[in-house]
């Protein structure tokens, strides 16, 4: 009876060793895609993450009376929309693609192929996130609720811009540990519902904890900079502030944030998730 139950369980669940093989296969397939496909899928992922970030901004607006952690949890739950769209809808996200290191470690792809894929996807993510930020700004959404939505966007981005480099670096490492764990667990899911259920908790956790995601910041920071530079006087009157209130929010600080968080994300996902799981499950596989 126990044998039968064990076999039934195996039929329903993909265990971590099999998930490692799926991750390796997926990484190999990604590296073999043509450049245009990788670029377009990267654009989609950048836009999807930006939509999740926009959702988070709207939901956090008006939550000043909630405990900080509760508000952050709500923001994280809705921000998970971005990764859900990436995984279920099909797109290429630089931070999630850090797991391609599994295919490289198994010698299924070359270092050149890995770097090519990462570069194309990252460029696509930049385009998608920036384009979405531009579109959101043009909608005038920042003026909704008497400018409170725009104020939330400014507060979020200013806090990110003011982070010290070392703190930002480690916040980014931990962020992509959770993102890549979400992607890793999705390899073991058998349905769209299963994938959503394993994606939401790690993503909500990294947002609630205040960790830093480079691709999301490619939306948060440019949108806030656009609001600071081009929002009309009526917006500033509505929120009772001025652009000088957000002195930490500058193009230089935004670029610093993106650069440092990108490096931290890459280390967190590739070394602390991908490389470790390859070492545990695949290193002793016969060649």
Protein backbone atom coordinates (compact mmCIF):
# COMPACT_ATOMS: atom_id res chain seq x y z
CA UNK A 1 0.00 0.00 0.00
CA UNK A 2 2.80 2.42 0.88
CA UNK A 3 4.44 1.76 -2.49
CA UNK A 4 1.18 2.54 -4.29
CA UNK A 5 0.73 5.77 -2.35
CA UNK A 6 4.32 6.75 -3.05
CA UNK A 7 3.84 6.19 -6.77
CA UNK A 8 0.60 8.19 -6.67
CA UNK A 9 2.38 11.02 -4.93
CA UNK A 10 5.11 10.95 -7.55
CA UNK A 11 2.49 11.21 -10.27
CA UNK A 12 1.17 14.41 -8.72
CA UNK A 13 4.36 16.15 -7.64
CA UNK A 14 7.58 17.05 -9.43
CA UNK A 15 10.31 16.71 -6.84
CA UNK A 16 13.36 19.00 -6.57
CA UNK A 17 15.77 16.68 -8.46
CA UNK A 18 13.36 16.65 -11.41
CA UNK A 19 12.85 20.39 -11.06
CA UNK A 20 16.62 20.79 -11.48
CA UNK A 21 16.45 18.90 -14.76
CA UNK A 22 13.54 21.06 -15.94
CA UNK A 23 15.48 24.21 -15.02
CA UNK A 24 18.48 22.97 -16.98
CA UNK A 25 16.35 22.13 -20.02
CA UNK A 26 14.54 25.46 -19.92
CA UNK A 27 17.82 27.35 -19.64
CA UNK A 28 19.24 25.48 -22.60
CA UNK A 29 16.19 26.29 -24.71
CA UNK A 30 16.35 29.96 -23.78
CA UNK A 31 19.99 30.22 -24.86
CA UNK A 32 19.14 28.77 -28.26
CA UNK A 33 16.43 31.29 -29.08
CA UNK A 34 17.15 33.82 -31.80
CA UNK A 35 18.09 37.34 -30.79
CA UNK A 36 14.85 39.01 -31.89
CA UNK A 37 12.71 36.54 -29.95
CA UNK A 38 14.74 37.03 -26.78
CA UNK A 39 14.58 40.80 -27.18
CA UNK A 40 10.80 40.90 -27.69
CA UNK A 41 10.14 38.50 -24.83
CA UNK A 42 12.38 40.71 -22.72
CA UNK A 43 10.33 43.78 -23.63
CA UNK A 44 7.18 41.95 -22.57
CA UNK A 45 8.67 40.95 -19.22
CA UNK A 46 9.82 44.51 -18.52
CA UNK A 47 6.30 45.73 -19.24
CA UNK A 48 4.72 42.99 -17.11
CA UNK A 49 6.89 43.79 -14.10
CA UNK A 50 6.10 47.48 -14.58
CA UNK A 51 2.39 46.71 -14.56
CA UNK A 52 2.83 44.89 -11.27
CA UNK A 53 4.75 47.87 -9.91
CA UNK A 54 1.99 50.21 -11.03
CA UNK A 55 -0.60 48.00 -9.32
CA UNK A 56 1.48 48.13 -6.14
CA UNK A 57 1.72 51.94 -6.28
CA UNK A 58 -2.04 52.31 -6.58
CA UNK A 59 -2.77 49.86 -3.77
CA UNK A 60 -0.27 51.51 -1.39
CA UNK A 61 -1.93 54.87 -1.94
CA UNK A 62 -4.04 55.79 1.07
CA UNK A 63 -2.60 53.12 3.38
CA UNK A 64 -0.87 55.55 5.74
CA UNK A 65 -3.08 54.47 8.64
CA UNK A 66 -2.17 50.80 8.25
CA UNK A 67 0.84 49.26 10.03
CA UNK A 68 3.89 49.52 7.78
CA UNK A 69 4.29 45.77 7.42
CA UNK A 70 0.64 45.20 6.58
CA UNK A 71 0.73 47.87 3.88
CA UNK A 72 3.92 46.37 2.44
CA UNK A 73 2.34 42.93 2.43
CA UNK A 74 -0.63 44.23 0.46
CA UNK A 75 1.76 45.88 -1.97
CA UNK A 76 3.72 42.65 -2.36
CA UNK A 77 0.63 40.56 -2.99
CA UNK A 78 -0.47 42.76 -5.87
CA UNK A 79 3.07 43.27 -7.21
CA UNK A 80 3.23 39.50 -7.78
CA UNK A 81 1.00 40.16 -10.81
CA UNK A 82 4.20 41.01 -12.69
CA UNK A 83 5.93 37.66 -12.24
CA UNK A 84 2.65 35.81 -12.75
CA UNK A 85 2.30 37.48 -16.15
CA UNK A 86 5.92 36.61 -16.97
CA UNK A 87 5.59 32.92 -16.05
CA UNK A 88 2.04 32.23 -17.19
CA UNK A 89 1.94 34.62 -20.13
CA UNK A 90 5.41 33.73 -21.36
CA UNK A 91 8.21 36.29 -21.27
CA UNK A 92 11.92 36.57 -20.41
CA UNK A 93 12.87 38.32 -17.19
CA UNK A 94 16.54 39.04 -16.53
CA UNK A 95 16.30 38.35 -12.81
CA UNK A 96 14.56 35.01 -13.31
CA UNK A 97 16.92 34.08 -16.11
CA UNK A 98 19.76 34.12 -13.58
CA UNK A 99 18.77 30.45 -13.20
CA UNK A 100 20.23 29.78 -16.66
CA UNK A 101 23.48 29.29 -14.78
CA UNK A 102 22.23 25.74 -14.14
CA UNK A 103 22.42 24.97 -17.85
CA UNK A 104 25.86 26.57 -18.04
CA UNK A 105 27.16 24.63 -15.05
CA UNK A 106 25.94 21.43 -16.70
CA UNK A 107 27.87 22.36 -19.88
CA UNK A 108 24.73 22.48 -21.99
CA UNK A 109 25.38 26.07 -23.02
CA UNK A 110 28.55 28.12 -23.37
CA UNK A 111 29.45 31.21 -21.39
CA UNK A 112 29.06 33.25 -24.57
CA UNK A 113 25.53 31.92 -25.10
CA UNK A 114 24.64 32.65 -21.47
CA UNK A 115 25.92 36.22 -21.62
CA UNK A 116 24.23 36.79 -24.99
CA UNK A 117 20.85 35.72 -23.58
CA UNK A 118 21.25 37.78 -20.42
CA UNK A 119 22.26 40.87 -22.40
CA UNK A 120 19.39 40.67 -24.89
CA UNK A 121 16.82 39.98 -22.19
CA UNK A 122 18.13 42.81 -20.01
CA UNK A 123 17.96 45.27 -22.90
CA UNK A 124 14.42 44.14 -23.62
CA UNK A 125 13.47 44.51 -19.95
CA UNK A 126 14.81 48.07 -19.95
CA UNK A 127 12.77 48.98 -23.03
CA UNK A 128 9.59 47.38 -21.69
CA UNK A 129 9.84 48.97 -18.24
CA UNK A 130 10.74 52.43 -19.57
CA UNK A 131 8.02 52.35 -22.20
CA UNK A 132 5.43 51.39 -19.61
CA UNK A 133 6.62 54.15 -17.27
CA UNK A 134 6.25 56.62 -20.14
CA UNK A 135 2.76 55.44 -20.98
CA UNK A 136 1.65 55.58 -17.35
CA UNK A 137 2.98 59.13 -17.05
CA UNK A 138 1.11 60.17 -20.19
CA UNK A 139 -2.16 58.83 -18.76
CA UNK A 140 -1.90 61.39 -15.97
CA UNK A 141 -2.58 58.62 -13.45
CA UNK A 142 -0.22 60.36 -11.02
CA UNK A 143 -2.92 62.98 -10.54
CA UNK A 144 -5.56 60.48 -9.42
CA UNK A 145 -7.02 60.83 -5.92
CA UNK A 146 -5.95 64.48 -5.74
CA UNK A 147 -2.38 63.59 -6.63
CA UNK A 148 -1.98 60.95 -3.94
CA UNK A 149 -1.07 58.24 -6.48
CA UNK A 150 1.75 60.41 -7.79
CA UNK A 151 2.85 61.21 -4.25
CA UNK A 152 3.10 57.49 -3.50
CA UNK A 153 5.21 56.99 -6.63
CA UNK A 154 7.52 59.81 -5.54
CA UNK A 155 7.88 58.50 -1.98
CA UNK A 156 8.70 54.98 -3.17
CA UNK A 157 11.29 56.16 -5.68
CA UNK A 158 12.88 58.70 -3.34
CA UNK A 159 13.43 56.01 -0.72
CA UNK A 160 15.10 53.79 -3.31
CA UNK A 161 17.30 56.65 -4.54
CA UNK A 162 18.53 57.39 -1.03
CA UNK A 163 19.69 53.85 -0.21
CA UNK A 164 23.43 53.55 0.54
CA UNK A 165 25.30 51.38 -1.96
CA UNK A 166 26.23 48.56 0.40
CA UNK A 167 22.73 48.28 1.83
CA UNK A 168 21.23 48.40 -1.66
CA UNK A 169 23.58 45.63 -2.83
CA UNK A 170 22.50 43.20 -0.13
CA UNK A 171 18.84 44.12 -0.47
CA UNK A 172 19.15 43.23 -4.16
CA UNK A 173 20.85 39.90 -3.43
CA UNK A 174 18.06 38.81 -1.11
CA UNK A 175 15.42 40.06 -3.54
CA UNK A 176 16.51 37.78 -6.32
CA UNK A 177 16.98 34.82 -4.03
CA UNK A 178 13.22 35.00 -3.48
CA UNK A 179 12.39 35.76 -7.11
CA UNK A 180 14.43 32.81 -8.35
CA UNK A 181 12.94 30.54 -5.70
CA UNK A 182 9.53 31.49 -7.06
CA UNK A 183 10.65 30.66 -10.60
CA UNK A 184 12.34 27.47 -9.38
CA UNK A 185 9.17 26.25 -7.66
CA UNK A 186 7.13 27.02 -10.76
CA UNK A 187 9.15 24.33 -12.54
CA UNK A 188 7.45 21.83 -10.24
CA UNK A 189 3.93 23.10 -10.87
CA UNK A 190 1.59 21.16 -13.15
CA UNK A 191 -1.08 23.80 -13.77
CA UNK A 192 -1.46 27.56 -14.07
CA UNK A 193 -3.12 27.59 -10.65
CA UNK A 194 -0.19 25.73 -9.11
CA UNK A 195 2.26 28.18 -10.65
CA UNK A 196 0.39 31.19 -9.30
CA UNK A 197 0.23 29.67 -5.82
CA UNK A 198 3.99 29.15 -5.66
CA UNK A 199 4.85 32.53 -7.21
CA UNK A 200 2.88 34.81 -4.90
CA UNK A 201 4.42 34.11 -1.44
CA UNK A 202 8.12 34.68 -2.34
CA UNK A 203 7.31 37.81 -4.34
CA UNK A 204 5.08 39.20 -1.60
CA UNK A 205 7.87 38.43 0.88
CA UNK A 206 10.57 40.37 -0.97
CA UNK A 207 8.35 43.42 -1.42
CA UNK A 208 7.18 43.36 2.19
CA UNK A 209 10.79 43.07 3.36
CA UNK A 210 11.87 46.08 1.29
CA UNK A 211 14.27 44.18 -0.98
CA UNK A 212 15.32 45.73 -4.30
CA UNK A 213 14.41 44.45 -7.78
CA UNK A 214 16.35 46.06 -10.62
CA UNK A 215 13.70 45.63 -13.33
CA UNK A 216 10.91 46.95 -11.12
CA UNK A 217 13.14 49.93 -10.32
CA UNK A 218 13.43 50.61 -14.05
CA UNK A 219 9.75 51.53 -13.76
CA UNK A 220 9.58 53.12 -10.30
CA UNK A 221 12.52 55.49 -10.74
CA UNK A 222 11.92 56.83 -14.29
CA UNK A 223 8.22 57.36 -13.58
CA UNK A 224 9.00 59.36 -10.43
CA UNK A 225 11.67 61.36 -12.25
CA UNK A 226 9.13 62.21 -14.96
CA UNK A 227 6.60 63.31 -12.34
CA UNK A 228 9.20 65.44 -10.59
CA UNK A 229 10.30 67.08 -13.85
CA UNK A 230 7.04 67.51 -15.73
CA UNK A 231 4.04 67.35 -13.42
CA UNK A 232 2.13 70.62 -13.48
CA UNK A 233 1.83 73.17 -10.69
CA UNK A 234 -1.69 71.93 -9.90
CA UNK A 235 -0.28 68.52 -8.96
CA UNK A 236 2.21 70.00 -6.50
CA UNK A 237 -0.46 72.24 -5.04
CA UNK A 238 -2.77 69.23 -4.58
CA UNK A 239 -0.19 67.29 -2.55
CA UNK A 240 1.16 70.36 -0.73
CA UNK A 241 4.76 69.76 -1.77
CA UNK A 242 7.33 70.87 -4.35
CA UNK A 243 9.92 69.05 -6.48
CA UNK A 244 12.59 70.14 -3.98
CA UNK A 245 10.95 67.88 -1.38
CA UNK A 246 12.45 64.94 -3.25
CA UNK A 247 16.04 66.09 -3.50
CA UNK A 248 17.39 62.51 -3.29
CA UNK A 249 15.47 61.62 -6.43
CA UNK A 250 17.90 62.38 -9.26
CA UNK A 251 19.00 60.72 -12.51
CA UNK A 252 22.43 59.99 -11.01
CA UNK A 253 20.98 58.27 -7.95
CA UNK A 254 18.52 56.38 -10.13
CA UNK A 255 21.31 55.05 -12.36
CA UNK A 256 23.32 54.07 -9.28
CA UNK A 257 20.35 52.16 -7.92
CA UNK A 258 19.80 50.30 -11.18
CA UNK A 259 23.48 49.38 -11.58
CA UNK A 260 23.96 48.15 -8.01
CA UNK A 261 20.64 46.31 -7.81
CA UNK A 262 21.33 44.60 -11.14
CA UNK A 263 24.64 43.21 -9.87
CA UNK A 264 23.10 42.17 -6.56
CA UNK A 265 20.14 40.51 -8.29
CA UNK A 266 22.45 38.56 -10.57
CA UNK A 267 24.56 37.28 -7.68
CA UNK A 268 21.54 36.37 -5.58
CA UNK A 269 19.79 34.43 -8.33
CA UNK A 270 22.69 32.76 -10.09
CA UNK A 271 24.98 31.87 -7.19
CA UNK A 272 22.66 31.56 -4.20
CA UNK A 273 19.87 29.66 -5.97
CA UNK A 274 20.91 28.31 -9.38
CA UNK A 275 24.47 27.27 -8.55
CA UNK A 276 23.50 25.74 -5.22
CA UNK A 277 20.70 23.65 -6.67
CA UNK A 278 22.95 22.49 -9.52
CA UNK A 279 25.59 21.47 -6.97
CA UNK A 280 23.07 19.57 -4.85
CA UNK A 281 21.16 17.73 -7.57
CA UNK A 282 23.16 17.68 -10.81
CA UNK A 283 26.88 17.81 -10.12
CA UNK A 284 27.28 14.02 -9.78
CA UNK A 285 25.25 13.14 -12.84
CA UNK A 286 27.17 10.87 -15.23
CA UNK A 287 28.44 12.71 -18.31
